[in-house]
C-alpha atoms as a PDB file:
ATOM      1  CA  UNK A   1      -5.373 -89.845 -17.834  1.00  0.00           C
ATOM      2  CA  UNK A   2      -9.119 -89.841 -16.559  1.00  0.00           C
ATOM      3  CA  UNK A   3      -8.452 -87.504 -12.672  1.00  0.00           C
ATOM      4  CA  UNK A   4      -5.551 -85.913 -14.580  1.00  0.00           C
ATOM      5  CA  UNK A   5      -8.559 -84.655 -16.802  1.00  0.00           C
ATOM      6  CA  UNK A   6     -10.336 -83.246 -14.753  1.00  0.00           C
ATOM      7  CA  UNK A   7      -7.537 -81.839 -13.014  1.00  0.00           C
ATOM      8  CA  UNK A   8      -6.956 -80.082 -15.894  1.00  0.00           C
ATOM      9  CA  UNK A   9     -11.029 -79.209 -16.701  1.00  0.00           C
ATOM     10  CA  UNK A  10     -11.530 -77.613 -13.233  1.00  0.00           C
ATOM     11  CA  UNK A  11      -8.256 -75.345 -13.330  1.00  0.00           C
ATOM     12  CA  UNK A  12      -8.988 -74.372 -16.712  1.00  0.00           C
ATOM     13  CA  UNK A  13     -12.453 -73.285 -15.259  1.00  0.00           C
ATOM     14  CA  UNK A  14     -11.434 -71.569 -12.054  1.00  0.00           C
ATOM     15  CA  UNK A  15      -9.147 -69.890 -14.135  1.00  0.00           C
ATOM     16  CA  UNK A  16     -11.190 -68.283 -16.560  1.00  0.00           C
ATOM     17  CA  UNK A  17     -13.214 -67.193 -12.973  1.00  0.00           C
ATOM     18  CA  UNK A  18     -10.684 -65.208 -12.358  1.00  0.00           C
ATOM     19  CA  UNK A  19      -9.406 -63.653 -15.699  1.00  0.00           C
ATOM     20  CA  UNK A  20     -12.739 -62.363 -16.101  1.00  0.00           C
ATOM     21  CA  UNK A  21     -13.649 -58.767 -15.925  1.00  0.00           C
ATOM     22  CA  UNK A  22     -15.517 -56.035 -15.930  1.00  0.00           C
ATOM     23  CA  UNK A  23     -15.306 -52.409 -17.389  1.00  0.00           C
ATOM     24  CA  UNK A  24     -16.164 -49.756 -16.161  1.00  0.00           C
ATOM     25  CA  UNK A  25     -16.336 -45.785 -18.362  1.00  0.00           C
ATOM     26  CA  UNK A  26     -16.192 -43.141 -15.992  1.00  0.00           C
ATOM     27  CA  UNK A  27     -16.269 -38.761 -16.366  1.00  0.00           C
ATOM     28  CA  UNK A  28     -15.273 -39.085 -12.878  1.00  0.00           C
ATOM     29  CA  UNK A  29     -12.028 -39.427 -10.344  1.00  0.00           C
ATOM     30  CA  UNK A  30     -10.919 -42.851 -11.202  1.00  0.00           C
ATOM     31  CA  UNK A  31      -8.903 -43.182  -7.747  1.00  0.00           C
ATOM     32  CA  UNK A  32     -12.815 -42.864  -5.952  1.00  0.00           C
ATOM     33  CA  UNK A  33     -13.806 -46.607  -7.708  1.00  0.00           C
ATOM     34  CA  UNK A  34     -10.943 -48.377  -5.524  1.00  0.00           C
ATOM     35  CA  UNK A  35     -11.655 -49.740  -2.292  1.00  0.00           C
ATOM     36  CA  UNK A  36     -14.006 -51.496  -4.906  1.00  0.00           C
ATOM     37  CA  UNK A  37     -12.816 -52.621  -7.039  1.00  0.00           C
ATOM     38  CA  UNK A  38     -10.524 -54.576  -4.553  1.00  0.00           C
ATOM     39  CA  UNK A  39     -13.580 -55.668  -2.965  1.00  0.00           C
ATOM     40  CA  UNK A  40     -15.109 -57.418  -5.666  1.00  0.00           C
ATOM     41  CA  UNK A  41     -12.643 -58.523  -6.440  1.00  0.00           C
ATOM     42  CA  UNK A  42     -11.937 -60.163  -2.741  1.00  0.00           C
ATOM     43  CA  UNK A  43     -15.230 -61.587  -2.434  1.00  0.00           C
ATOM     44  CA  UNK A  44     -16.265 -62.689  -6.398  1.00  0.00           C
ATOM     45  CA  UNK A  45     -12.345 -63.240  -8.392  1.00  0.00           C
ATOM     46  CA  UNK A  46     -13.066 -60.855 -10.958  1.00  0.00           C
ATOM     47  CA  UNK A  47     -10.718 -58.038 -12.177  1.00  0.00           C
ATOM     48  CA  UNK A  48     -12.973 -54.408 -12.453  1.00  0.00           C
ATOM     49  CA  UNK A  49     -10.714 -51.674 -14.699  1.00  0.00           C
ATOM     50  CA  UNK A  50     -11.489 -48.449 -13.881  1.00  0.00           C
ATOM     51  CA  UNK A  51     -11.724 -46.081 -17.641  1.00  0.00           C
ATOM     52  CA  UNK A  52     -11.257 -42.186 -16.926  1.00  0.00           C
ATOM     53  CA  UNK A  53     -11.755 -39.882 -19.782  1.00  0.00           C
ATOM     54  CA  UNK A  54     -14.084 -37.385 -19.722  1.00  0.00           C
ATOM     55  CA  UNK A  55     -17.844 -37.526 -20.889  1.00  0.00           C
ATOM     56  CA  UNK A  56     -17.836 -36.488 -24.370  1.00  0.00           C
ATOM     57  CA  UNK A  57     -14.292 -39.197 -25.298  1.00  0.00           C
ATOM     58  CA  UNK A  58     -17.110 -41.602 -23.514  1.00  0.00           C
ATOM     59  CA  UNK A  59     -19.839 -41.595 -25.496  1.00  0.00           C
ATOM     60  CA  UNK A  60     -17.189 -41.469 -29.158  1.00  0.00           C
ATOM     61  CA  UNK A  61     -15.713 -44.401 -27.596  1.00  0.00           C
ATOM     62  CA  UNK A  62     -18.361 -46.327 -27.485  1.00  0.00           C
ATOM     63  CA  UNK A  63     -20.030 -46.028 -30.261  1.00  0.00           C
ATOM     64  CA  UNK A  64     -17.516 -45.996 -33.235  1.00  0.00           C
ATOM     65  CA  UNK A  65     -16.393 -48.976 -30.872  1.00  0.00           C
ATOM     66  CA  UNK A  66     -19.826 -50.397 -31.019  1.00  0.00           C
ATOM     67  CA  UNK A  67     -20.197 -54.212 -30.390  1.00  0.00           C
ATOM     68  CA  UNK A  68     -17.003 -54.012 -29.817  1.00  0.00           C
ATOM     69  CA  UNK A  69     -16.247 -52.509 -26.852  1.00  0.00           C
ATOM     70  CA  UNK A  70     -15.441 -53.595 -24.488  1.00  0.00           C
ATOM     71  CA  UNK A  71     -17.168 -51.646 -21.715  1.00  0.00           C
ATOM     72  CA  UNK A  72     -19.381 -52.716 -19.327  1.00  0.00           C
ATOM     73  CA  UNK A  73     -20.673 -50.213 -17.467  1.00  0.00           C
ATOM     74  CA  UNK A  74     -20.546 -45.800 -17.545  1.00  0.00           C
ATOM     75  CA  UNK A  75     -20.923 -43.493 -14.384  1.00  0.00           C
ATOM     76  CA  UNK A  76     -20.622 -39.880 -15.238  1.00  0.00           C
ATOM     77  CA  UNK A  77     -21.484 -37.529 -13.236  1.00  0.00           C
ATOM     78  CA  UNK A  78     -24.811 -35.190 -14.638  1.00  0.00           C
ATOM     79  CA  UNK A  79     -28.078 -36.241 -14.920  1.00  0.00           C
ATOM     80  CA  UNK A  80     -27.691 -34.286 -18.598  1.00  0.00           C
ATOM     81  CA  UNK A  81     -25.039 -36.911 -18.675  1.00  0.00           C
ATOM     82  CA  UNK A  82     -27.623 -39.068 -18.014  1.00  0.00           C
ATOM     83  CA  UNK A  83     -30.505 -38.696 -20.403  1.00  0.00           C
ATOM     84  CA  UNK A  84     -28.122 -38.054 -23.901  1.00  0.00           C
ATOM     85  CA  UNK A  85     -26.588 -41.756 -23.066  1.00  0.00           C
ATOM     86  CA  UNK A  86     -30.426 -43.170 -23.108  1.00  0.00           C
ATOM     87  CA  UNK A  87     -30.881 -41.358 -25.871  1.00  0.00           C
ATOM     88  CA  UNK A  88     -28.154 -42.268 -27.569  1.00  0.00           C
ATOM     89  CA  UNK A  89     -29.324 -45.723 -26.882  1.00  0.00           C
ATOM     90  CA  UNK A  90     -25.854 -47.230 -25.869  1.00  0.00           C
ATOM     91  CA  UNK A  91     -27.480 -48.146 -22.160  1.00  0.00           C
ATOM     92  CA  UNK A  92     -30.191 -51.960 -21.808  1.00  0.00           C
ATOM     93  CA  UNK A  93     -32.925 -51.115 -19.390  1.00  0.00           C
ATOM     94  CA  UNK A  94     -31.307 -52.992 -15.443  1.00  0.00           C
ATOM     95  CA  UNK A  95     -33.095 -55.838 -14.228  1.00  0.00           C
ATOM     96  CA  UNK A  96     -32.251 -56.208 -10.348  1.00  0.00           C
ATOM     97  CA  UNK A  97     -34.553 -56.023  -8.621  1.00  0.00           C
ATOM     98  CA  UNK A  98     -32.480 -54.802  -5.614  1.00  0.00           C
ATOM     99  CA  UNK A  99     -30.071 -52.251  -7.514  1.00  0.00           C
ATOM    100  CA  UNK A 100     -33.470 -50.379  -9.273  1.00  0.00           C
ATOM    101  CA  UNK A 101     -35.726 -50.139  -5.488  1.00  0.00           C
ATOM    102  CA  UNK A 102     -32.736 -48.746  -4.223  1.00  0.00           C
ATOM    103  CA  UNK A 103     -32.969 -45.090  -4.574  1.00  0.00           C
ATOM    104  CA  UNK A 104     -35.942 -43.096  -4.623  1.00  0.00           C
ATOM    105  CA  UNK A 105     -37.893 -42.658  -7.478  1.00  0.00           C
ATOM    106  CA  UNK A 106     -36.613 -38.971  -8.610  1.00  0.00           C
ATOM    107  CA  UNK A 107     -33.222 -40.702  -9.305  1.00  0.00           C
ATOM    108  CA  UNK A 108     -33.933 -43.598 -11.658  1.00  0.00           C
ATOM    109  CA  UNK A 109     -34.350 -44.120 -15.265  1.00  0.00           C
ATOM    110  CA  UNK A 110     -38.475 -44.438 -15.662  1.00  0.00           C
ATOM    111  CA  UNK A 111     -37.106 -47.370 -17.724  1.00  0.00           C
ATOM    112  CA  UNK A 112     -34.463 -48.001 -15.025  1.00  0.00           C
ATOM    113  CA  UNK A 113     -31.447 -47.458 -18.345  1.00  0.00           C
ATOM    114  CA  UNK A 114     -29.732 -46.030 -15.019  1.00  0.00           C
ATOM    115  CA  UNK A 115     -29.796 -45.571 -10.769  1.00  0.00           C
ATOM    116  CA  UNK A 116     -28.518 -42.301  -9.523  1.00  0.00           C
ATOM    117  CA  UNK A 117     -24.800 -43.110  -6.917  1.00  0.00           C
ATOM    118  CA  UNK A 118     -25.033 -40.006  -5.007  1.00  0.00           C
ATOM    119  CA  UNK A 119     -26.589 -36.068  -5.469  1.00  0.00           C
ATOM    120  CA  UNK A 120     -26.627 -32.959  -4.260  1.00  0.00           C
ATOM    121  CA  UNK A 121     -29.165 -29.922  -4.143  1.00  0.00           C
ATOM    122  CA  UNK A 122     -28.182 -26.706  -6.822  1.00  0.00           C
ATOM    123  CA  UNK A 123     -29.614 -24.070  -4.336  1.00  0.00           C
ATOM    124  CA  UNK A 124     -29.348 -20.503  -2.968  1.00  0.00           C
ATOM    125  CA  UNK A 125     -26.144 -19.830  -1.911  1.00  0.00           C
ATOM    126  CA  UNK A 126     -25.996 -16.517   0.744  1.00  0.00           C
ATOM    127  CA  UNK A 127     -23.998 -14.883   3.127  1.00  0.00           C
ATOM    128  CA  UNK A 128     -26.721 -14.430   5.623  1.00  0.00           C
ATOM    129  CA  UNK A 129     -25.739 -10.849   7.375  1.00  0.00           C
ATOM    130  CA  UNK A 130     -26.937 -10.185   3.520  1.00  0.00           C
ATOM    131  CA  UNK A 131     -29.343 -12.028   2.692  1.00  0.00           C
ATOM    132  CA  UNK A 132     -32.164 -13.510   6.037  1.00  0.00           C
ATOM    133  CA  UNK A 133     -33.955 -17.120   5.520  1.00  0.00           C
ATOM    134  CA  UNK A 134     -37.877 -15.701   4.421  1.00  0.00           C
ATOM    135  CA  UNK A 135     -37.092 -13.131   2.216  1.00  0.00           C
ATOM    136  CA  UNK A 136     -36.181 -15.862  -0.652  1.00  0.00           C
ATOM    137  CA  UNK A 137     -37.884 -18.073  -0.723  1.00  0.00           C
ATOM    138  CA  UNK A 138     -38.478 -19.509  -4.613  1.00  0.00           C
ATOM    139  CA  UNK A 139     -35.896 -19.689  -7.740  1.00  0.00           C
ATOM    140  CA  UNK A 140     -37.967 -16.840  -9.808  1.00  0.00           C
ATOM    141  CA  UNK A 141     -37.823 -14.618  -6.626  1.00  0.00           C
ATOM    142  CA  UNK A 142     -34.703 -13.913  -8.005  1.00  0.00           C
ATOM    143  CA  UNK A 143     -35.512 -12.564 -10.839  1.00  0.00           C
ATOM    144  CA  UNK A 144     -37.495  -9.540  -8.666  1.00  0.00           C
ATOM    145  CA  UNK A 145     -35.715  -6.518  -8.942  1.00  0.00           C
ATOM    146  CA  UNK A 146     -35.110  -6.070  -5.374  1.00  0.00           C
ATOM    147  CA  UNK A 147     -31.774  -8.175  -6.243  1.00  0.00           C
ATOM    148  CA  UNK A 148     -31.019  -5.872  -8.891  1.00  0.00           C
ATOM    149  CA  UNK A 149     -26.989  -5.707  -7.899  1.00  0.00           C
ATOM    150  CA  UNK A 150     -27.568  -8.417  -6.511  1.00  0.00           C
ATOM    151  CA  UNK A 151     -26.441 -11.831  -8.023  1.00  0.00           C
ATOM    152  CA  UNK A 152     -23.799 -14.028  -9.030  1.00  0.00           C
ATOM    153  CA  UNK A 153     -24.156 -16.782 -11.455  1.00  0.00           C
ATOM    154  CA  UNK A 154     -22.372 -19.094 -12.672  1.00  0.00           C
ATOM    155  CA  UNK A 155     -21.736 -19.281 -16.283  1.00  0.00           C
ATOM    156  CA  UNK A 156     -24.114 -21.877 -18.922  1.00  0.00           C
ATOM    157  CA  UNK A 157     -21.316 -23.617 -19.597  1.00  0.00           C
ATOM    158  CA  UNK A 158     -21.271 -27.706 -18.044  1.00  0.00           C
ATOM    159  CA  UNK A 159     -24.288 -28.827 -17.421  1.00  0.00           C
ATOM    160  CA  UNK A 160     -25.391 -27.769 -13.684  1.00  0.00           C
ATOM    161  CA  UNK A 161     -27.147 -24.878 -15.215  1.00  0.00           C
ATOM    162  CA  UNK A 162     -29.240 -26.486 -17.845  1.00  0.00           C
ATOM    163  CA  UNK A 163     -30.273 -28.511 -15.230  1.00  0.00           C
ATOM    164  CA  UNK A 164     -31.668 -26.477 -13.619  1.00  0.00           C
ATOM    165  CA  UNK A 165     -33.290 -24.679 -16.021  1.00  0.00           C
ATOM    166  CA  UNK A 166     -34.265 -28.003 -17.499  1.00  0.00           C
ATOM    167  CA  UNK A 167     -36.030 -28.299 -14.108  1.00  0.00           C
ATOM    168  CA  UNK A 168     -37.271 -24.600 -14.307  1.00  0.00           C
ATOM    169  CA  UNK A 169     -39.524 -25.506 -18.068  1.00  0.00           C
ATOM    170  CA  UNK A 170     -40.743 -28.931 -16.291  1.00  0.00           C
ATOM    171  CA  UNK A 171     -42.303 -26.282 -13.751  1.00  0.00           C
ATOM    172  CA  UNK A 172     -43.153 -23.064 -15.593  1.00  0.00           C
ATOM    173  CA  UNK A 173     -43.837 -24.390 -18.610  1.00  0.00           C
ATOM    174  CA  UNK A 174     -40.819 -22.746 -21.560  1.00  0.00           C
ATOM    175  CA  UNK A 175     -41.704 -19.565 -21.681  1.00  0.00           C
ATOM    176  CA  UNK A 176     -41.348 -18.497 -17.932  1.00  0.00           C
ATOM    177  CA  UNK A 177     -39.008 -19.730 -17.235  1.00  0.00           C
ATOM    178  CA  UNK A 178     -36.830 -17.963 -20.071  1.00  0.00           C
ATOM    179  CA  UNK A 179     -38.234 -14.729 -17.987  1.00  0.00           C
ATOM    180  CA  UNK A 180     -37.218 -16.333 -14.933  1.00  0.00           C
ATOM    181  CA  UNK A 181     -33.840 -16.291 -16.137  1.00  0.00           C
ATOM    182  CA  UNK A 182     -33.861 -13.787 -18.281  1.00  0.00           C
ATOM    183  CA  UNK A 183     -34.607 -11.146 -15.084  1.00  0.00           C
ATOM    184  CA  UNK A 184     -32.245 -13.721 -12.812  1.00  0.00           C
ATOM    185  CA  UNK A 185     -29.570 -11.795 -16.164  1.00  0.00           C
ATOM    186  CA  UNK A 186     -30.695  -8.455 -15.340  1.00  0.00           C
ATOM    187  CA  UNK A 187     -30.487  -8.254 -12.069  1.00  0.00           C
ATOM    188  CA  UNK A 188     -26.450  -9.395 -12.217  1.00  0.00           C
ATOM    189  CA  UNK A 189     -23.990  -7.385 -10.008  1.00  0.00           C
ATOM    190  CA  UNK A 190     -21.299  -8.165 -12.589  1.00  0.00           C
ATOM    191  CA  UNK A 191     -20.325 -11.097 -14.918  1.00  0.00           C
ATOM    192  CA  UNK A 192     -21.101 -14.343 -15.379  1.00  0.00           C
ATOM    193  CA  UNK A 193     -17.877 -16.504 -12.849  1.00  0.00           C
ATOM    194  CA  UNK A 194     -16.423 -19.321 -14.345  1.00  0.00           C
ATOM    195  CA  UNK A 195     -17.508 -22.800 -11.239  1.00  0.00           C
ATOM    196  CA  UNK A 196     -19.080 -22.446  -7.654  1.00  0.00           C
ATOM    197  CA  UNK A 197     -16.165 -21.882  -6.192  1.00  0.00           C
ATOM    198  CA  UNK A 198     -15.449 -18.777  -7.952  1.00  0.00           C
ATOM    199  CA  UNK A 199     -19.294 -16.867  -7.669  1.00  0.00           C
ATOM    200  CA  UNK A 200     -18.635 -17.653  -4.019  1.00  0.00           C
ATOM    201  CA  UNK A 201     -15.601 -16.179  -2.986  1.00  0.00           C
ATOM    202  CA  UNK A 202     -16.915 -13.183  -4.834  1.00  0.00           C
ATOM    203  CA  UNK A 203     -19.803 -13.414  -2.048  1.00  0.00           C
ATOM    204  CA  UNK A 204     -17.962 -12.703   0.453  1.00  0.00           C
ATOM    205  CA  UNK A 205     -15.087 -10.187  -0.871  1.00  0.00           C
ATOM    206  CA  UNK A 206     -18.338  -7.758  -1.321  1.00  0.00           C
ATOM    207  CA  UNK A 207     -19.377  -7.925  -4.901  1.00  0.00           C
ATOM    208  CA  UNK A 208     -23.357  -9.412  -4.052  1.00  0.00           C
ATOM    209  CA  UNK A 209     -24.962 -10.990  -2.032  1.00  0.00           C
ATOM    210  CA  UNK A 210     -26.655 -14.303  -2.976  1.00  0.00           C
ATOM    211  CA  UNK A 211     -26.048 -16.548  -5.528  1.00  0.00           C
ATOM    212  CA  UNK A 212     -27.006 -19.978  -6.753  1.00  0.00           C
ATOM    213  CA  UNK A 213     -24.794 -22.946  -6.677  1.00  0.00           C
ATOM    214  CA  UNK A 214     -23.929 -26.812  -6.199  1.00  0.00           C
ATOM    215  CA  UNK A 215     -24.019 -27.467  -2.177  1.00  0.00           C
ATOM    216  CA  UNK A 216     -20.765 -29.815  -2.959  1.00  0.00           C
ATOM    217  CA  UNK A 217     -18.775 -27.160  -3.711  1.00  0.00           C
ATOM    218  CA  UNK A 218     -19.566 -25.274  -0.192  1.00  0.00           C
ATOM    219  CA  UNK A 219     -18.741 -28.067   1.422  1.00  0.00           C
ATOM    220  CA  UNK A 220     -15.783 -28.988  -0.113  1.00  0.00           C
ATOM    221  CA  UNK A 221     -15.032 -25.316   0.886  1.00  0.00           C
ATOM    222  CA  UNK A 222     -15.718 -25.308   4.534  1.00  0.00           C
ATOM    223  CA  UNK A 223     -13.702 -28.624   4.776  1.00  0.00           C
ATOM    224  CA  UNK A 224     -10.791 -26.280   4.084  1.00  0.00           C
ATOM    225  CA  UNK A 225     -11.960 -22.967   6.195  1.00  0.00           C
ATOM    226  CA  UNK A 226     -14.435 -23.914   8.736  1.00  0.00           C
ATOM    227  CA  UNK A 227     -15.216 -20.175   8.697  1.00  0.00           C
ATOM    228  CA  UNK A 228     -16.021 -21.057   5.541  1.00  0.00           C
ATOM    229  CA  UNK A 229     -18.999 -17.969   6.780  1.00  0.00           C
ATOM    230  CA  UNK A 230     -21.365 -18.630   2.756  1.00  0.00           C
ATOM    231  CA  UNK A 231     -24.919 -20.879   4.091  1.00  0.00           C
ATOM    232  CA  UNK A 232     -26.689 -22.388   2.096  1.00  0.00           C
ATOM    233  CA  UNK A 233     -30.742 -21.669   1.981  1.00  0.00           C
ATOM    234  CA  UNK A 234     -32.728 -23.756   0.588  1.00  0.00           C
ATOM    235  CA  UNK A 235     -34.782 -23.617  -2.492  1.00  0.00           C
ATOM    236  CA  UNK A 236     -38.904 -24.321  -3.009  1.00  0.00           C
ATOM    237  CA  UNK A 237     -39.081 -25.328   0.086  1.00  0.00           C
ATOM    238  CA  UNK A 238     -42.525 -24.516   0.782  1.00  0.00           C
ATOM    239  CA  UNK A 239     -43.447 -24.848  -3.062  1.00  0.00           C
ATOM    240  CA  UNK A 240     -41.881 -28.248  -5.701  1.00  0.00           C
ATOM    241  CA  UNK A 241     -38.409 -28.770  -3.469  1.00  0.00           C
ATOM    242  CA  UNK A 242     -35.433 -27.705  -3.870  1.00  0.00           C
ATOM    243  CA  UNK A 243     -33.300 -29.053  -7.475  1.00  0.00           C
ATOM    244  CA  UNK A 244     -31.122 -31.931  -6.940  1.00  0.00           C
ATOM    245  CA  UNK A 245     -28.684 -33.343  -9.807  1.00  0.00           C
ATOM    246  CA  UNK A 246     -25.777 -35.763  -8.985  1.00  0.00           C
ATOM    247  CA  UNK A 247     -24.027 -38.775 -10.769  1.00  0.00           C
ATOM    248  CA  UNK A 248     -24.969 -42.071 -12.302  1.00  0.00           C
ATOM    249  CA  UNK A 249     -24.626 -45.425 -13.278  1.00  0.00           C
ATOM    250  CA  UNK A 250     -25.680 -47.773 -16.196  1.00  0.00           C
ATOM    251  CA  UNK A 251     -25.141 -50.728 -18.513  1.00  0.00           C
ATOM    252  CA  UNK A 252     -23.407 -50.545 -21.505  1.00  0.00           C
ATOM    253  CA  UNK A 253     -25.932 -51.113 -24.623  1.00  0.00           C
ATOM    254  CA  UNK A 254     -22.784 -54.242 -25.654  1.00  0.00           C
ATOM    255  CA  UNK A 255     -22.086 -55.976 -22.877  1.00  0.00           C
ATOM    256  CA  UNK A 256     -22.614 -59.426 -22.522  1.00  0.00           C
ATOM    257  CA  UNK A 257     -21.737 -59.330 -18.828  1.00  0.00           C
ATOM    258  CA  UNK A 258     -25.254 -57.386 -17.086  1.00  0.00           C
ATOM    259  CA  UNK A 259     -26.089 -59.925 -14.518  1.00  0.00           C
ATOM    260  CA  UNK A 260     -21.903 -58.674 -13.052  1.00  0.00           C
ATOM    261  CA  UNK A 261     -22.362 -55.684 -14.145  1.00  0.00           C
ATOM    262  CA  UNK A 262     -25.159 -55.379 -11.759  1.00  0.00           C
ATOM    263  CA  UNK A 263     -23.267 -56.718  -8.950  1.00  0.00           C
ATOM    264  CA  UNK A 264     -21.070 -54.122  -8.968  1.00  0.00           C
ATOM    265  CA  UNK A 265     -23.464 -51.789  -8.999  1.00  0.00           C
ATOM    266  CA  UNK A 266     -24.942 -53.425  -5.739  1.00  0.00           C
ATOM    267  CA  UNK A 267     -22.405 -52.878  -3.899  1.00  0.00           C
ATOM    268  CA  UNK A 268     -21.800 -49.412  -4.379  1.00  0.00           C
ATOM    269  CA  UNK A 269     -25.285 -49.068  -3.034  1.00  0.00           C
ATOM    270  CA  UNK A 270     -24.535 -50.779  -0.405  1.00  0.00           C
ATOM    271  CA  UNK A 271     -23.968 -48.007   2.806  1.00  0.00           C
ATOM    272  CA  UNK A 272     -20.352 -48.079   3.772  1.00  0.00           C
ATOM    273  CA  UNK A 273     -19.989 -47.358   0.171  1.00  0.00           C
ATOM    274  CA  UNK A 274     -22.575 -44.689  -0.406  1.00  0.00           C
ATOM    275  CA  UNK A 275     -20.577 -42.806   2.271  1.00  0.00           C
ATOM    276  CA  UNK A 276     -17.293 -43.372   1.044  1.00  0.00           C
ATOM    277  CA  UNK A 277     -18.816 -41.959  -2.399  1.00  0.00           C
ATOM    278  CA  UNK A 278     -20.468 -39.326  -1.783  1.00  0.00           C
ATOM    279  CA  UNK A 279     -17.792 -38.176   1.326  1.00  0.00           C
ATOM    280  CA  UNK A 280     -14.913 -38.001  -0.903  1.00  0.00           C
ATOM    281  CA  UNK A 281     -16.911 -35.530  -2.757  1.00  0.00           C
ATOM    282  CA  UNK A 282     -19.672 -33.450  -0.171  1.00  0.00           C
ATOM    283  CA  UNK A 283     -22.435 -35.549  -1.799  1.00  0.00           C
ATOM    284  CA  UNK A 284     -25.641 -36.694   0.255  1.00  0.00           C
ATOM    285  CA  UNK A 285     -25.812 -40.363  -0.754  1.00  0.00           C
ATOM    286  CA  UNK A 286     -28.307 -41.750  -2.697  1.00  0.00           C
ATOM    287  CA  UNK A 287     -29.218 -45.167  -1.984  1.00  0.00           C
ATOM    288  CA  UNK A 288     -32.427 -44.328   0.477  1.00  0.00           C
ATOM    289  CA  UNK A 289     -31.898 -45.377   4.713  1.00  0.00           C
ATOM    290  CA  UNK A 290     -28.786 -43.531   3.899  1.00  0.00           C
ATOM    291  CA  UNK A 291     -27.593 -40.295   5.437  1.00  0.00           C
ATOM    292  CA  UNK A 292     -24.884 -38.056   5.285  1.00  0.00           C
ATOM    293  CA  UNK A 293     -21.718 -38.191   7.399  1.00  0.00           C
ATOM    294  CA  UNK A 294     -20.100 -34.967   6.390  1.00  0.00           C
ATOM    295  CA  UNK A 295     -20.360 -31.498   7.216  1.00  0.00           C
ATOM    296  CA  UNK A 296     -22.965 -31.540   4.923  1.00  0.00           C
ATOM    297  CA  UNK A 297     -25.239 -33.057   7.479  1.00  0.00           C
ATOM    298  CA  UNK A 298     -24.789 -29.714   9.607  1.00  0.00           C
ATOM    299  CA  UNK A 299     -27.483 -28.472   7.487  1.00  0.00           C
ATOM    300  CA  UNK A 300     -30.537 -30.174   8.376  1.00  0.00           C
ATOM    301  CA  UNK A 301     -32.779 -32.218   5.991  1.00  0.00           C
ATOM    302  CA  UNK A 302     -34.675 -30.563   3.299  1.00  0.00           C
ATOM    303  CA  UNK A 303     -37.303 -31.230   1.183  1.00  0.00           C
ATOM    304  CA  UNK A 304     -35.809 -32.600  -2.633  1.00  0.00           C
ATOM    305  CA  UNK A 305     -37.624 -31.577  -6.222  1.00  0.00           C
ATOM    306  CA  UNK A 306     -39.742 -35.187  -6.660  1.00  0.00           C
ATOM    307  CA  UNK A 307     -39.828 -35.126 -10.185  1.00  0.00           C
ATOM    308  CA  UNK A 308     -37.496 -37.857 -11.862  1.00  0.00           C
ATOM    309  CA  UNK A 309     -34.915 -36.189 -13.723  1.00  0.00           C
ATOM    310  CA  UNK A 310     -36.210 -38.301 -16.588  1.00  0.00           C
ATOM    311  CA  UNK A 311     -38.398 -35.661 -17.158  1.00  0.00           C
ATOM    312  CA  UNK A 312     -35.768 -32.715 -15.794  1.00  0.00           C
ATOM    313  CA  UNK A 313     -33.875 -34.312 -18.662  1.00  0.00           C
ATOM    314  CA  UNK A 314     -36.020 -34.156 -21.291  1.00  0.00           C
ATOM    315  CA  UNK A 315     -36.580 -30.683 -21.308  1.00  0.00           C
ATOM    316  CA  UNK A 316     -32.351 -30.032 -21.822  1.00  0.00           C
ATOM    317  CA  UNK A 317     -33.617 -28.785 -25.525  1.00  0.00           C
ATOM    318  CA  UNK A 318     -35.819 -26.067 -24.066  1.00  0.00           C
ATOM    319  CA  UNK A 319     -32.998 -25.014 -21.559  1.00  0.00           C
ATOM    320  CA  UNK A 320     -30.713 -25.329 -23.325  1.00  0.00           C
ATOM    321  CA  UNK A 321     -32.891 -22.275 -26.233  1.00  0.00           C
ATOM    322  CA  UNK A 322     -33.531 -20.782 -23.355  1.00  0.00           C
ATOM    323  CA  UNK A 323     -29.470 -20.421 -23.060  1.00  0.00           C
ATOM    324  CA  UNK A 324     -29.224 -18.669 -26.347  1.00  0.00           C
ATOM    325  CA  UNK A 325     -31.436 -16.774 -26.834  1.00  0.00           C
ATOM    326  CA  UNK A 326     -30.647 -14.567 -23.954  1.00  0.00           C
ATOM    327  CA  UNK A 327     -27.053 -15.333 -24.476  1.00  0.00           C
ATOM    328  CA  UNK A 328     -25.707 -15.862 -21.268  1.00  0.00           C
ATOM    329  CA  UNK A 329     -22.876 -16.929 -21.380  1.00  0.00           C
END
């Protein structure tokens, strides 16, 4: 009877371990995480459930569920959202030294609520036939009247240009950042575009000579058409460095599986996972010592802005004021 009882207890413990589950809410395509879901299951005996939702839905659900939420991790696309989650108090601090030491200081929360998994540069996109390296250096240069009628720009809707303007506020102050954006908007050749892809296509069509875009959009277009004529020109190389932004992940405040959740983050920061995740989206790996392995590596290294994404995120309200005051659509 005693041996039978021990056997039942062991079986029960095994069943309990195998039934353990981590749940991730993400606004990224869930399929990108699938290889690591399977790997974590094989190595740890833990099921990982990935729930794909738009960011506002993720926030609304976690806030409404509170301590009853099933979410253990949130993986989102942008520093604006990472900052928002932190300010809403939805994340708990990371404690794993292995996780916190894996990415550059700029790409993790100053209070350790999240770390980046990948990043991109938001920089000048040019047709080298019309814009030469050295002709423009700084984001602020786009406000110069010499660029009148030569600039294409994406809409302010979304978060990419919001984050860029927030970084201008950090480095220039709100008044000067507003003046720079006013000059850029004055120099537009046409109405703003719905996305970076349309903006770069407009450059190839001769509607403008220069724009600002995320490097991954260009990488994706080059993967489809290696002869696509647009090139990146990295901004602010003699000053603050090019503005970067990216995806990040944090442990939900209410999760009782923080240690296990951080083991999954550690897996996502391993070199194989970093190369997989970044290459699928044509982004740069966030983990230290890991380099891009796609077409974007051909652009060479560049100096990126070392300002903490937390610090930039704190200036999002100022960026939104500028957008509203300038009627930047």
